[in-house]
Amino acid sequence: MKTHYYREDIMKICDKKHLTVEQIFDELSAIYNDAWKSTIYRNVEDMVKDWDLRKVVWIWKKAYFETNCGNHVHLIDVNTWEIMDLPDEVQIPNLPANFKLQNLDVKLFWEFSS
């Protein structure tokens, strides 16, 4: 079993992207012809546990993975289903003074208007 064998390549592939395990596997199998999807899945899940990747659960329960593990908001284009990150400076108004943010998982669905 090649757990963590692909870790560095997975980080490069997922940099500034939101990809499924299938998409990660497609890119890795172009580099390594002996890559197995189950091994990639194990690596990705281990990287999520180690906070190297963040798992973004999609509305249809499909998971996407990214290297941006900080709190941020996702913009989702309803025409292309592309996922983009909003800058970290987004402020959330009207929170109680003693509120300490532990985790943020906000998805905004949008489309360009004409």
PDB file of N, CA and C in Angstrom:
ATOM      1  N   MET A   1       0.846  -1.175   0.000  1.00  0.00           N
ATOM      2  CA  MET A   1       0.000   0.000   0.000  1.00  0.00           C
ATOM      3  C   MET A   1       0.893   1.241   0.000  1.00  0.00           C
ATOM      4  N   LYS A   2       0.545   2.201  -0.867  1.00  0.00           N
ATOM      5  CA  LYS A   2       1.370   3.395  -1.020  1.00  0.00           C
ATOM      6  C   LYS A   2       0.736   4.604  -0.335  1.00  0.00           C
ATOM      7  N   THR A   3       0.365   4.429   0.945  1.00  0.00           N
ATOM      8  CA  THR A   3      -0.201   5.543   1.687  1.00  0.00           C
ATOM      9  C   THR A   3       0.842   6.635   1.809  1.00  0.00           C
ATOM     10  N   HIS A   4       0.454   7.839   1.503  1.00  0.00           N
ATOM     11  CA  HIS A   4       1.290   9.038   1.521  1.00  0.00           C
ATOM     12  C   HIS A   4       2.316   9.073   0.391  1.00  0.00           C
ATOM     13  N   TYR A   5       2.320   8.086  -0.476  1.00  0.00           N
ATOM     14  CA  TYR A   5       3.254   8.047  -1.605  1.00  0.00           C
ATOM     15  C   TYR A   5       3.013   9.198  -2.564  1.00  0.00           C
ATOM     16  N   TYR A   6       1.753   9.587  -2.740  1.00  0.00           N
ATOM     17  CA  TYR A   6       1.379  10.610  -3.709  1.00  0.00           C
ATOM     18  C   TYR A   6       1.128  11.978  -3.068  1.00  0.00           C
ATOM     19  N   ARG A   7       1.377  12.098  -1.796  1.00  0.00           N
ATOM     20  CA  ARG A   7       1.002  13.296  -1.020  1.00  0.00           C
ATOM     21  C   ARG A   7       1.475  14.606  -1.661  1.00  0.00           C
ATOM     22  N   GLU A   8       2.725  14.701  -2.010  1.00  0.00           N
ATOM     23  CA  GLU A   8       3.271  15.944  -2.592  1.00  0.00           C
ATOM     24  C   GLU A   8       2.597  16.264  -3.932  1.00  0.00           C
ATOM     25  N   ASP A   9       2.384  15.244  -4.751  1.00  0.00           N
ATOM     26  CA  ASP A   9       1.724  15.455  -6.040  1.00  0.00           C
ATOM     27  C   ASP A   9       0.263  15.869  -5.856  1.00  0.00           C
ATOM     28  N   ILE A  10      -0.414  15.301  -4.879  1.00  0.00           N
ATOM     29  CA  ILE A  10      -1.799  15.671  -4.606  1.00  0.00           C
ATOM     30  C   ILE A  10      -1.875  17.138  -4.193  1.00  0.00           C
ATOM     31  N   MET A  11      -0.945  17.580  -3.366  1.00  0.00           N
ATOM     32  CA  MET A  11      -0.924  18.987  -2.950  1.00  0.00           C
ATOM     33  C   MET A  11      -0.746  19.907  -4.154  1.00  0.00           C
ATOM     34  N   LYS A  12       0.148  19.551  -5.065  1.00  0.00           N
ATOM     35  CA  LYS A  12       0.366  20.368  -6.260  1.00  0.00           C
ATOM     36  C   LYS A  12      -0.871  20.382  -7.155  1.00  0.00           C
ATOM     37  N   ILE A  13      -1.490  19.231  -7.330  1.00  0.00           N
ATOM     38  CA  ILE A  13      -2.669  19.119  -8.194  1.00  0.00           C
ATOM     39  C   ILE A  13      -3.842  19.925  -7.631  1.00  0.00           C
ATOM     40  N   CYS A  14      -4.015  19.917  -6.316  1.00  0.00           N
ATOM     41  CA  CYS A  14      -5.160  20.586  -5.688  1.00  0.00           C
ATOM     42  C   CYS A  14      -4.927  22.066  -5.394  1.00  0.00           C
ATOM     43  N   ASP A  15      -3.730  22.561  -5.628  1.00  0.00           N
ATOM     44  CA  ASP A  15      -3.425  23.953  -5.311  1.00  0.00           C
ATOM     45  C   ASP A  15      -4.336  24.900  -6.091  1.00  0.00           C
ATOM     46  N   LYS A  16      -5.069  25.734  -5.354  1.00  0.00           N
ATOM     47  CA  LYS A  16      -5.982  26.730  -5.919  1.00  0.00           C
ATOM     48  C   LYS A  16      -7.084  26.121  -6.781  1.00  0.00           C
ATOM     49  N   LYS A  17      -7.446  24.877  -6.482  1.00  0.00           N
ATOM     50  CA  LYS A  17      -8.516  24.190  -7.208  1.00  0.00           C
ATOM     51  C   LYS A  17      -9.428  23.482  -6.217  1.00  0.00           C
ATOM     52  N   HIS A  18     -10.580  23.086  -6.691  1.00  0.00           N
ATOM     53  CA  HIS A  18     -11.530  22.263  -5.935  1.00  0.00           C
ATOM     54  C   HIS A  18     -11.791  21.035  -6.797  1.00  0.00           C
ATOM     55  N   LEU A  19     -11.234  19.894  -6.391  1.00  0.00           N
ATOM     56  CA  LEU A  19     -11.277  18.690  -7.222  1.00  0.00           C
ATOM     57  C   LEU A  19     -11.873  17.506  -6.476  1.00  0.00           C
ATOM     58  N   THR A  20     -12.526  16.623  -7.214  1.00  0.00           N
ATOM     59  CA  THR A  20     -13.011  15.367  -6.653  1.00  0.00           C
ATOM     60  C   THR A  20     -11.854  14.362  -6.637  1.00  0.00           C
ATOM     61  N   VAL A  21     -12.053  13.263  -5.928  1.00  0.00           N
ATOM     62  CA  VAL A  21     -11.045  12.196  -5.929  1.00  0.00           C
ATOM     63  C   VAL A  21     -10.848  11.674  -7.353  1.00  0.00           C
ATOM     64  N   GLU A  22     -11.932  11.593  -8.117  1.00  0.00           N
ATOM     65  CA  GLU A  22     -11.829  11.112  -9.499  1.00  0.00           C
ATOM     66  C   GLU A  22     -10.947  12.036 -10.340  1.00  0.00           C
ATOM     67  N   GLN A  23     -11.101  13.353 -10.161  1.00  0.00           N
ATOM     68  CA  GLN A  23     -10.277  14.301 -10.900  1.00  0.00           C
ATOM     69  C   GLN A  23      -8.812  14.231 -10.459  1.00  0.00           C
ATOM     70  N   ILE A  24      -8.586  14.076  -9.163  1.00  0.00           N
ATOM     71  CA  ILE A  24      -7.218  13.923  -8.649  1.00  0.00           C
ATOM     72  C   ILE A  24      -6.608  12.651  -9.219  1.00  0.00           C
ATOM     73  N   PHE A  25      -7.379  11.561  -9.206  1.00  0.00           N
ATOM     74  CA  PHE A  25      -6.906  10.290  -9.754  1.00  0.00           C
ATOM     75  C   PHE A  25      -6.548  10.431 -11.235  1.00  0.00           C
ATOM     76  N   ASP A  26      -7.395  11.106 -12.020  1.00  0.00           N
ATOM     77  CA  ASP A  26      -7.127  11.282 -13.450  1.00  0.00           C
ATOM     78  C   ASP A  26      -5.790  11.988 -13.669  1.00  0.00           C
ATOM     79  N   GLU A  27      -5.534  13.031 -12.883  1.00  0.00           N
ATOM     80  CA  GLU A  27      -4.267  13.763 -13.047  1.00  0.00           C
ATOM     81  C   GLU A  27      -3.073  12.935 -12.572  1.00  0.00           C
ATOM     82  N   LEU A  28      -3.238  12.211 -11.470  1.00  0.00           N
ATOM     83  CA  LEU A  28      -2.140  11.380 -10.961  1.00  0.00           C
ATOM     84  C   LEU A  28      -1.850  10.187 -11.863  1.00  0.00           C
ATOM     85  N   SER A  29      -2.892   9.588 -12.422  1.00  0.00           N
ATOM     86  CA  SER A  29      -2.669   8.415 -13.272  1.00  0.00           C
ATOM     87  C   SER A  29      -1.978   8.792 -14.580  1.00  0.00           C
ATOM     88  N   ALA A  30      -2.020  10.069 -14.951  1.00  0.00           N
ATOM     89  CA  ALA A  30      -1.247  10.528 -16.105  1.00  0.00           C
ATOM     90  C   ALA A  30       0.248  10.570 -15.778  1.00  0.00           C
ATOM     91  N   ILE A  31       0.569  10.701 -14.488  1.00  0.00           N
ATOM     92  CA  ILE A  31       1.963  10.716 -14.030  1.00  0.00           C
ATOM     93  C   ILE A  31       2.429   9.313 -13.653  1.00  0.00           C
ATOM     94  N   TYR A  32       1.585   8.606 -12.914  1.00  0.00           N
ATOM     95  CA  TYR A  32       1.906   7.261 -12.415  1.00  0.00           C
ATOM     96  C   TYR A  32       0.919   6.269 -13.020  1.00  0.00           C
ATOM     97  N   ASN A  33       1.369   5.429 -13.916  1.00  0.00           N
ATOM     98  CA  ASN A  33       0.449   4.477 -14.547  1.00  0.00           C
ATOM     99  C   ASN A  33       0.032   3.344 -13.609  1.00  0.00           C
ATOM    100  N   ASP A  34       0.661   3.246 -12.430  1.00  0.00           N
ATOM    101  CA  ASP A  34       0.290   2.206 -11.475  1.00  0.00           C
ATOM    102  C   ASP A  34      -0.580   2.732 -10.332  1.00  0.00           C
ATOM    103  N   ALA A  35      -1.120   3.964 -10.479  1.00  0.00           N
ATOM    104  CA  ALA A  35      -1.949   4.562  -9.423  1.00  0.00           C
ATOM    105  C   ALA A  35      -3.295   3.832  -9.327  1.00  0.00           C
ATOM    106  N   TRP A  36      -3.745   3.624  -8.107  1.00  0.00           N
ATOM    107  CA  TRP A  36      -5.032   2.997  -7.848  1.00  0.00           C
ATOM    108  C   TRP A  36      -5.936   4.032  -7.189  1.00  0.00           C
ATOM    109  N   LYS A  37      -7.202   4.065  -7.591  1.00  0.00           N
ATOM    110  CA  LYS A  37      -8.141   5.041  -7.045  1.00  0.00           C
ATOM    111  C   LYS A  37      -8.302   4.862  -5.536  1.00  0.00           C
ATOM    112  N   SER A  38      -8.325   3.637  -5.058  1.00  0.00           N
ATOM    113  CA  SER A  38      -8.486   3.402  -3.614  1.00  0.00           C
ATOM    114  C   SER A  38      -7.298   3.965  -2.827  1.00  0.00           C
ATOM    115  N   THR A  39      -6.102   3.868  -3.383  1.00  0.00           N
ATOM    116  CA  THR A  39      -4.919   4.416  -2.722  1.00  0.00           C
ATOM    117  C   THR A  39      -4.986   5.939  -2.699  1.00  0.00           C
ATOM    118  N   ILE A  40      -5.410   6.541  -3.803  1.00  0.00           N
ATOM    119  CA  ILE A  40      -5.553   7.992  -3.860  1.00  0.00           C
ATOM    120  C   ILE A  40      -6.601   8.435  -2.834  1.00  0.00           C
ATOM    121  N   TYR A  41      -7.707   7.724  -2.770  1.00  0.00           N
ATOM    122  CA  TYR A  41      -8.762   8.061  -1.812  1.00  0.00           C
ATOM    123  C   TYR A  41      -8.225   8.016  -0.380  1.00  0.00           C
ATOM    124  N   ARG A  42      -7.481   6.959  -0.034  1.00  0.00           N
ATOM    125  CA  ARG A  42      -6.896   6.849   1.318  1.00  0.00           C
ATOM    126  C   ARG A  42      -5.950   8.012   1.590  1.00  0.00           C
ATOM    127  N   ASN A  43      -5.108   8.344   0.613  1.00  0.00           N
ATOM    128  CA  ASN A  43      -4.178   9.464   0.780  1.00  0.00           C
ATOM    129  C   ASN A  43      -4.934  10.764   1.026  1.00  0.00           C
ATOM    130  N   VAL A  44      -5.949  11.018   0.205  1.00  0.00           N
ATOM    131  CA  VAL A  44      -6.723  12.253   0.330  1.00  0.00           C
ATOM    132  C   VAL A  44      -7.402  12.322   1.696  1.00  0.00           C
ATOM    133  N   GLU A  45      -8.031  11.247   2.125  1.00  0.00           N
ATOM    134  CA  GLU A  45      -8.703  11.240   3.433  1.00  0.00           C
ATOM    135  C   GLU A  45      -7.700  11.434   4.572  1.00  0.00           C
ATOM    136  N   ASP A  46      -6.515  10.822   4.479  1.00  0.00           N
ATOM    137  CA  ASP A  46      -5.474  11.037   5.492  1.00  0.00           C
ATOM    138  C   ASP A  46      -5.021  12.495   5.495  1.00  0.00           C
ATOM    139  N   MET A  47      -4.928  13.099   4.319  1.00  0.00           N
ATOM    140  CA  MET A  47      -4.501  14.498   4.218  1.00  0.00           C
ATOM    141  C   MET A  47      -5.561  15.436   4.807  1.00  0.00           C
ATOM    142  N   VAL A  48      -6.820  15.074   4.713  1.00  0.00           N
ATOM    143  CA  VAL A  48      -7.892  15.856   5.342  1.00  0.00           C
ATOM    144  C   VAL A  48      -7.740  15.767   6.868  1.00  0.00           C
ATOM    145  N   LYS A  49      -7.498  14.569   7.382  1.00  0.00           N
ATOM    146  CA  LYS A  49      -7.314  14.391   8.827  1.00  0.00           C
ATOM    147  C   LYS A  49      -6.107  15.167   9.339  1.00  0.00           C
ATOM    148  N   ASP A  50      -5.055  15.281   8.508  1.00  0.00           N
ATOM    149  CA  ASP A  50      -3.834  15.996   8.883  1.00  0.00           C
ATOM    150  C   ASP A  50      -3.923  17.500   8.599  1.00  0.00           C
ATOM    151  N   TRP A  51      -5.080  17.979   8.112  1.00  0.00           N
ATOM    152  CA  TRP A  51      -5.316  19.386   7.768  1.00  0.00           C
ATOM    153  C   TRP A  51      -4.445  19.876   6.618  1.00  0.00           C
ATOM    154  N   ASP A  52      -3.996  18.977   5.759  1.00  0.00           N
ATOM    155  CA  ASP A  52      -3.276  19.380   4.551  1.00  0.00           C
ATOM    156  C   ASP A  52      -4.251  19.702   3.430  1.00  0.00           C
ATOM    157  N   LEU A  53      -5.416  19.065   3.452  1.00  0.00           N
ATOM    158  CA  LEU A  53      -6.485  19.330   2.493  1.00  0.00           C
ATOM    159  C   LEU A  53      -7.775  19.590   3.258  1.00  0.00           C
ATOM    160  N   ARG A  54      -8.660  20.336   2.628  1.00  0.00           N
ATOM    161  CA  ARG A  54      -9.984  20.569   3.187  1.00  0.00           C
ATOM    162  C   ARG A  54     -11.001  19.871   2.301  1.00  0.00           C
ATOM    163  N   LYS A  55     -11.963  19.224   2.940  1.00  0.00           N
ATOM    164  CA  LYS A  55     -13.035  18.531   2.225  1.00  0.00           C
ATOM    165  C   LYS A  55     -14.247  19.450   2.179  1.00  0.00           C
ATOM    166  N   VAL A  56     -14.684  19.754   0.973  1.00  0.00           N
ATOM    167  CA  VAL A  56     -15.861  20.598   0.771  1.00  0.00           C
ATOM    168  C   VAL A  56     -16.977  19.677   0.291  1.00  0.00           C
ATOM    169  N   VAL A  57     -17.988  19.485   1.117  1.00  0.00           N
ATOM    170  CA  VAL A  57     -19.084  18.595   0.739  1.00  0.00           C
ATOM    171  C   VAL A  57     -20.059  19.389  -0.122  1.00  0.00           C
ATOM    172  N   TRP A  58     -20.328  18.861  -1.266  1.00  0.00           N
ATOM    173  CA  TRP A  58     -21.164  19.505  -2.260  1.00  0.00           C
ATOM    174  C   TRP A  58     -22.626  19.265  -1.955  1.00  0.00           C
ATOM    175  N   ILE A  59     -23.490  20.018  -2.563  1.00  0.00           N
ATOM    176  CA  ILE A  59     -24.922  19.913  -2.302  1.00  0.00           C
ATOM    177  C   ILE A  59     -25.473  18.515  -2.606  1.00  0.00           C
ATOM    178  N   TRP A  60     -24.900  17.819  -3.581  1.00  0.00           N
ATOM    179  CA  TRP A  60     -25.353  16.458  -3.909  1.00  0.00           C
ATOM    180  C   TRP A  60     -24.485  15.415  -3.225  1.00  0.00           C
ATOM    181  N   LYS A  61     -23.858  15.793  -2.151  1.00  0.00           N
ATOM    182  CA  LYS A  61     -23.009  14.939  -1.332  1.00  0.00           C
ATOM    183  C   LYS A  61     -21.743  14.485  -2.051  1.00  0.00           C
ATOM    184  N   LYS A  62     -21.382  15.147  -3.122  1.00  0.00           N
ATOM    185  CA  LYS A  62     -20.120  14.880  -3.791  1.00  0.00           C
ATOM    186  C   LYS A  62     -19.060  15.732  -3.098  1.00  0.00           C
ATOM    187  N   ALA A  63     -17.922  15.133  -2.784  1.00  0.00           N
ATOM    188  CA  ALA A  63     -16.878  15.851  -2.058  1.00  0.00           C
ATOM    189  C   ALA A  63     -15.823  16.403  -3.007  1.00  0.00           C
ATOM    190  N   TYR A  64     -15.422  17.626  -2.729  1.00  0.00           N
ATOM    191  CA  TYR A  64     -14.328  18.279  -3.441  1.00  0.00           C
ATOM    192  C   TYR A  64     -13.242  18.575  -2.422  1.00  0.00           C
ATOM    193  N   PHE A  65     -12.003  18.612  -2.879  1.00  0.00           N
ATOM    194  CA  PHE A  65     -10.873  18.820  -1.979  1.00  0.00           C
ATOM    195  C   PHE A  65     -10.061  20.008  -2.451  1.00  0.00           C
ATOM    196  N   GLU A  66      -9.514  20.751  -1.483  1.00  0.00           N
ATOM    197  CA  GLU A  66      -8.730  21.942  -1.786  1.00  0.00           C
ATOM    198  C   GLU A  66      -7.614  22.087  -0.765  1.00  0.00           C
ATOM    199  N   THR A  67      -6.619  22.904  -1.099  1.00  0.00           N
ATOM    200  CA  THR A  67      -5.507  23.134  -0.178  1.00  0.00           C
ATOM    201  C   THR A  67      -5.754  24.304   0.760  1.00  0.00           C
ATOM    202  N   ASN A  68      -6.757  25.141   0.485  1.00  0.00           N
ATOM    203  CA  ASN A  68      -7.087  26.270   1.354  1.00  0.00           C
ATOM    204  C   ASN A  68      -7.891  25.755   2.545  1.00  0.00           C
ATOM    205  N   CYS A  69      -7.215  25.534   3.669  1.00  0.00           N
ATOM    206  CA  CYS A  69      -7.860  24.933   4.838  1.00  0.00           C
ATOM    207  C   CYS A  69      -8.388  25.975   5.825  1.00  0.00           C
ATOM    208  N   GLY A  70      -8.160  27.257   5.551  1.00  0.00           N
ATOM    209  CA  GLY A  70      -8.663  28.306   6.431  1.00  0.00           C
ATOM    210  C   GLY A  70     -10.147  28.541   6.216  1.00  0.00           C
ATOM    211  N   ASN A  71     -10.754  29.280   7.133  1.00  0.00           N
ATOM    212  CA  ASN A  71     -12.165  29.610   7.004  1.00  0.00           C
ATOM    213  C   ASN A  71     -12.363  30.564   5.838  1.00  0.00           C
ATOM    214  N   HIS A  72     -13.253  30.225   4.944  1.00  0.00           N
ATOM    215  CA  HIS A  72     -13.562  31.087   3.809  1.00  0.00           C
ATOM    216  C   HIS A  72     -14.903  30.680   3.205  1.00  0.00           C
ATOM    217  N   VAL A  73     -15.406  31.521   2.338  1.00  0.00           N
ATOM    218  CA  VAL A  73     -16.701  31.311   1.699  1.00  0.00           C
ATOM    219  C   VAL A  73     -16.470  30.821   0.277  1.00  0.00           C
ATOM    220  N   HIS A  74     -17.291  29.877  -0.158  1.00  0.00           N
ATOM    221  CA  HIS A  74     -17.216  29.368  -1.524  1.00  0.00           C
ATOM    222  C   HIS A  74     -18.297  29.999  -2.389  1.00  0.00           C
ATOM    223  N   LEU A  75     -17.910  30.463  -3.562  1.00  0.00           N
ATOM    224  CA  LEU A  75     -18.841  30.931  -4.583  1.00  0.00           C
ATOM    225  C   LEU A  75     -18.986  29.809  -5.595  1.00  0.00           C
ATOM    226  N   ILE A  76     -20.211  29.467  -5.943  1.00  0.00           N
ATOM    227  CA  ILE A  76     -20.458  28.372  -6.879  1.00  0.00           C
ATOM    228  C   ILE A  76     -21.289  28.903  -8.034  1.00  0.00           C
ATOM    229  N   ASP A  77     -20.733  28.822  -9.228  1.00  0.00           N
ATOM    230  CA  ASP A  77     -21.423  29.275 -10.434  1.00  0.00           C
ATOM    231  C   ASP A  77     -22.454  28.217 -10.823  1.00  0.00           C
ATOM    232  N   VAL A  78     -23.739  28.587 -10.841  1.00  0.00           N
ATOM    233  CA  VAL A  78     -24.797  27.613 -11.123  1.00  0.00           C
ATOM    234  C   VAL A  78     -24.841  27.189 -12.590  1.00  0.00           C
ATOM    235  N   ASN A  79     -24.132  27.886 -13.455  1.00  0.00           N
ATOM    236  CA  ASN A  79     -24.091  27.505 -14.869  1.00  0.00           C
ATOM    237  C   ASN A  79     -22.961  26.521 -15.167  1.00  0.00           C
ATOM    238  N   THR A  80     -21.809  26.712 -14.537  1.00  0.00           N
ATOM    239  CA  THR A  80     -20.647  25.851 -14.811  1.00  0.00           C
ATOM    240  C   THR A  80     -20.313  24.937 -13.631  1.00  0.00           C
ATOM    241  N   TRP A  81     -20.861  25.210 -12.457  1.00  0.00           N
ATOM    242  CA  TRP A  81     -20.584  24.519 -11.196  1.00  0.00           C
ATOM    243  C   TRP A  81     -19.138  24.678 -10.753  1.00  0.00           C
ATOM    244  N   GLU A  82     -18.459  25.688 -11.272  1.00  0.00           N
ATOM    245  CA  GLU A  82     -17.104  26.018 -10.821  1.00  0.00           C
ATOM    246  C   GLU A  82     -17.185  26.567  -9.400  1.00  0.00           C
ATOM    247  N   ILE A  83     -16.247  26.161  -8.558  1.00  0.00           N
ATOM    248  CA  ILE A  83     -16.180  26.630  -7.172  1.00  0.00           C
ATOM    249  C   ILE A  83     -15.000  27.592  -7.057  1.00  0.00           C
ATOM    250  N   MET A  84     -15.255  28.753  -6.476  1.00  0.00           N
ATOM    251  CA  MET A  84     -14.198  29.740  -6.261  1.00  0.00           C
ATOM    252  C   MET A  84     -14.219  30.170  -4.799  1.00  0.00           C
ATOM    253  N   ASP A  85     -13.081  30.563  -4.288  1.00  0.00           N
ATOM    254  CA  ASP A  85     -12.979  31.044  -2.915  1.00  0.00           C
ATOM    255  C   ASP A  85     -13.122  32.560  -2.880  1.00  0.00           C
ATOM    256  N   LEU A  86     -13.905  33.056  -1.919  1.00  0.00           N
ATOM    257  CA  LEU A  86     -13.940  34.486  -1.646  1.00  0.00           C
ATOM    258  C   LEU A  86     -12.713  34.830  -0.818  1.00  0.00           C
ATOM    259  N   PRO A  87     -12.208  36.030  -0.933  1.00  0.00           N
ATOM    260  CA  PRO A  87     -11.054  36.423  -0.112  1.00  0.00           C
ATOM    261  C   PRO A  87     -11.339  36.260   1.380  1.00  0.00           C
ATOM    262  N   ASP A  88     -10.288  36.039   2.157  1.00  0.00           N
ATOM    263  CA  ASP A  88     -10.414  35.796   3.597  1.00  0.00           C
ATOM    264  C   ASP A  88     -10.933  37.000   4.378  1.00  0.00           C
ATOM    265  N   GLU A  89     -10.936  38.193   3.772  1.00  0.00           N
ATOM    266  CA  GLU A  89     -11.328  39.404   4.497  1.00  0.00           C
ATOM    267  C   GLU A  89     -12.832  39.541   4.677  1.00  0.00           C
ATOM    268  N   VAL A  90     -13.626  38.596   4.215  1.00  0.00           N
ATOM    269  CA  VAL A  90     -15.078  38.691   4.332  1.00  0.00           C
ATOM    270  C   VAL A  90     -15.456  38.769   5.811  1.00  0.00           C
ATOM    271  N   GLN A  91     -16.278  39.749   6.156  1.00  0.00           N
ATOM    272  CA  GLN A  91     -16.710  39.952   7.534  1.00  0.00           C
ATOM    273  C   GLN A  91     -18.141  39.444   7.708  1.00  0.00           C
ATOM    274  N   ILE A  92     -18.419  38.869   8.853  1.00  0.00           N
ATOM    275  CA  ILE A  92     -19.765  38.409   9.176  1.00  0.00           C
ATOM    276  C   ILE A  92     -20.314  39.351  10.238  1.00  0.00           C
ATOM    277  N   PRO A  93     -21.302  40.188   9.869  1.00  0.00           N
ATOM    278  CA  PRO A  93     -21.816  41.182  10.830  1.00  0.00           C
ATOM    279  C   PRO A  93     -22.757  40.568  11.866  1.00  0.00           C
ATOM    280  N   ASN A  94     -22.935  41.302  12.949  1.00  0.00           N
ATOM    281  CA  ASN A  94     -23.944  41.022  13.977  1.00  0.00           C
ATOM    282  C   ASN A  94     -23.719  39.725  14.749  1.00  0.00           C
ATOM    283  N   LEU A  95     -22.488  39.284  14.874  1.00  0.00           N
ATOM    284  CA  LEU A  95     -22.221  38.108  15.710  1.00  0.00           C
ATOM    285  C   LEU A  95     -22.124  38.544  17.166  1.00  0.00           C
ATOM    286  N   PRO A  96     -22.550  37.708  18.122  1.00  0.00           N
ATOM    287  CA  PRO A  96     -22.423  38.069  19.542  1.00  0.00           C
ATOM    288  C   PRO A  96     -20.958  38.320  19.911  1.00  0.00           C
ATOM    289  N   ALA A  97     -20.740  39.181  20.872  1.00  0.00           N
ATOM    290  CA  ALA A  97     -19.382  39.569  21.271  1.00  0.00           C
ATOM    291  C   ALA A  97     -18.558  38.372  21.746  1.00  0.00           C
ATOM    292  N   ASN A  98     -19.184  37.397  22.389  1.00  0.00           N
ATOM    293  CA  ASN A  98     -18.444  36.241  22.921  1.00  0.00           C
ATOM    294  C   ASN A  98     -18.388  35.078  21.931  1.00  0.00           C
ATOM    295  N   PHE A  99     -18.806  35.296  20.694  1.00  0.00           N
ATOM    296  CA  PHE A  99     -18.826  34.249  19.675  1.00  0.00           C
ATOM    297  C   PHE A  99     -17.416  34.009  19.148  1.00  0.00           C
ATOM    298  N   LYS A 100     -16.966  32.762  19.218  1.00  0.00           N
ATOM    299  CA  LYS A 100     -15.653  32.395  18.689  1.00  0.00           C
ATOM    300  C   LYS A 100     -15.867  31.416  17.539  1.00  0.00           C
ATOM    301  N   LEU A 101     -15.504  31.821  16.343  1.00  0.00           N
ATOM    302  CA  LEU A 101     -15.703  31.000  15.160  1.00  0.00           C
ATOM    303  C   LEU A 101     -14.790  29.775  15.198  1.00  0.00           C
ATOM    304  N   GLN A 102     -15.361  28.588  15.120  1.00  0.00           N
ATOM    305  CA  GLN A 102     -14.598  27.341  15.092  1.00  0.00           C
ATOM    306  C   GLN A 102     -14.394  26.858  13.664  1.00  0.00           C
ATOM    307  N   ASN A 103     -15.447  26.962  12.865  1.00  0.00           N
ATOM    308  CA  ASN A 103     -15.381  26.470  11.496  1.00  0.00           C
ATOM    309  C   ASN A 103     -16.418  27.221  10.675  1.00  0.00           C
ATOM    310  N   LEU A 104     -16.100  27.452   9.431  1.00  0.00           N
ATOM    311  CA  LEU A 104     -17.004  28.165   8.540  1.00  0.00           C
ATOM    312  C   LEU A 104     -17.130  27.372   7.255  1.00  0.00           C
ATOM    313  N   ASP A 105     -18.365  27.069   6.870  1.00  0.00           N
ATOM    314  CA  ASP A 105     -18.608  26.352   5.626  1.00  0.00           C
ATOM    315  C   ASP A 105     -19.818  26.988   4.959  1.00  0.00           C
ATOM    316  N   VAL A 106     -19.584  28.061   4.221  1.00  0.00           N
ATOM    317  CA  VAL A 106     -20.644  28.798   3.556  1.00  0.00           C
ATOM    318  C   VAL A 106     -20.487  28.626   2.060  1.00  0.00           C
ATOM    319  N   LYS A 107     -21.593  28.321   1.394  1.00  0.00           N
ATOM    320  CA  LYS A 107     -21.593  28.184  -0.058  1.00  0.00           C
ATOM    321  C   LYS A 107     -22.596  29.176  -0.618  1.00  0.00           C
ATOM    322  N   LEU A 108     -22.158  30.038  -1.522  1.00  0.00           N
ATOM    323  CA  LEU A 108     -23.037  30.985  -2.184  1.00  0.00           C
ATOM    324  C   LEU A 108     -23.180  30.564  -3.639  1.00  0.00           C
ATOM    325  N   PHE A 109     -24.403  30.350  -4.072  1.00  0.00           N
ATOM    326  CA  PHE A 109     -24.668  29.964  -5.452  1.00  0.00           C
ATOM    327  C   PHE A 109     -25.004  31.231  -6.231  1.00  0.00           C
ATOM    328  N   TRP A 110     -24.390  31.410  -7.384  1.00  0.00           N
ATOM    329  CA  TRP A 110     -24.558  32.643  -8.141  1.00  0.00           C
ATOM    330  C   TRP A 110     -24.531  32.382  -9.633  1.00  0.00           C
ATOM    331  N   GLU A 111     -24.955  33.396 -10.364  1.00  0.00           N
ATOM    332  CA  GLU A 111     -24.786  33.397 -11.810  1.00  0.00           C
ATOM    333  C   GLU A 111     -24.677  34.844 -12.254  1.00  0.00           C
ATOM    334  N   PHE A 112     -23.987  35.042 -13.353  1.00  0.00           N
ATOM    335  CA  PHE A 112     -23.859  36.387 -13.895  1.00  0.00           C
ATOM    336  C   PHE A 112     -25.194  36.834 -14.455  1.00  0.00           C
ATOM    337  N   SER A 113     -25.584  38.056 -14.162  1.00  0.00           N
ATOM    338  CA  SER A 113     -26.809  38.577 -14.759  1.00  0.00           C
ATOM    339  C   SER A 113     -26.445  39.474 -15.934  1.00  0.00           C
ATOM    340  N   SER A 114     -27.341  39.542 -16.901  1.00  0.00           N
ATOM    341  CA  SER A 114     -27.038  40.346 -18.083  1.00  0.00           C
ATOM    342  C   SER A 114     -27.573  41.754 -17.980  1.00  0.00           C
TER     343      SER A 114
END
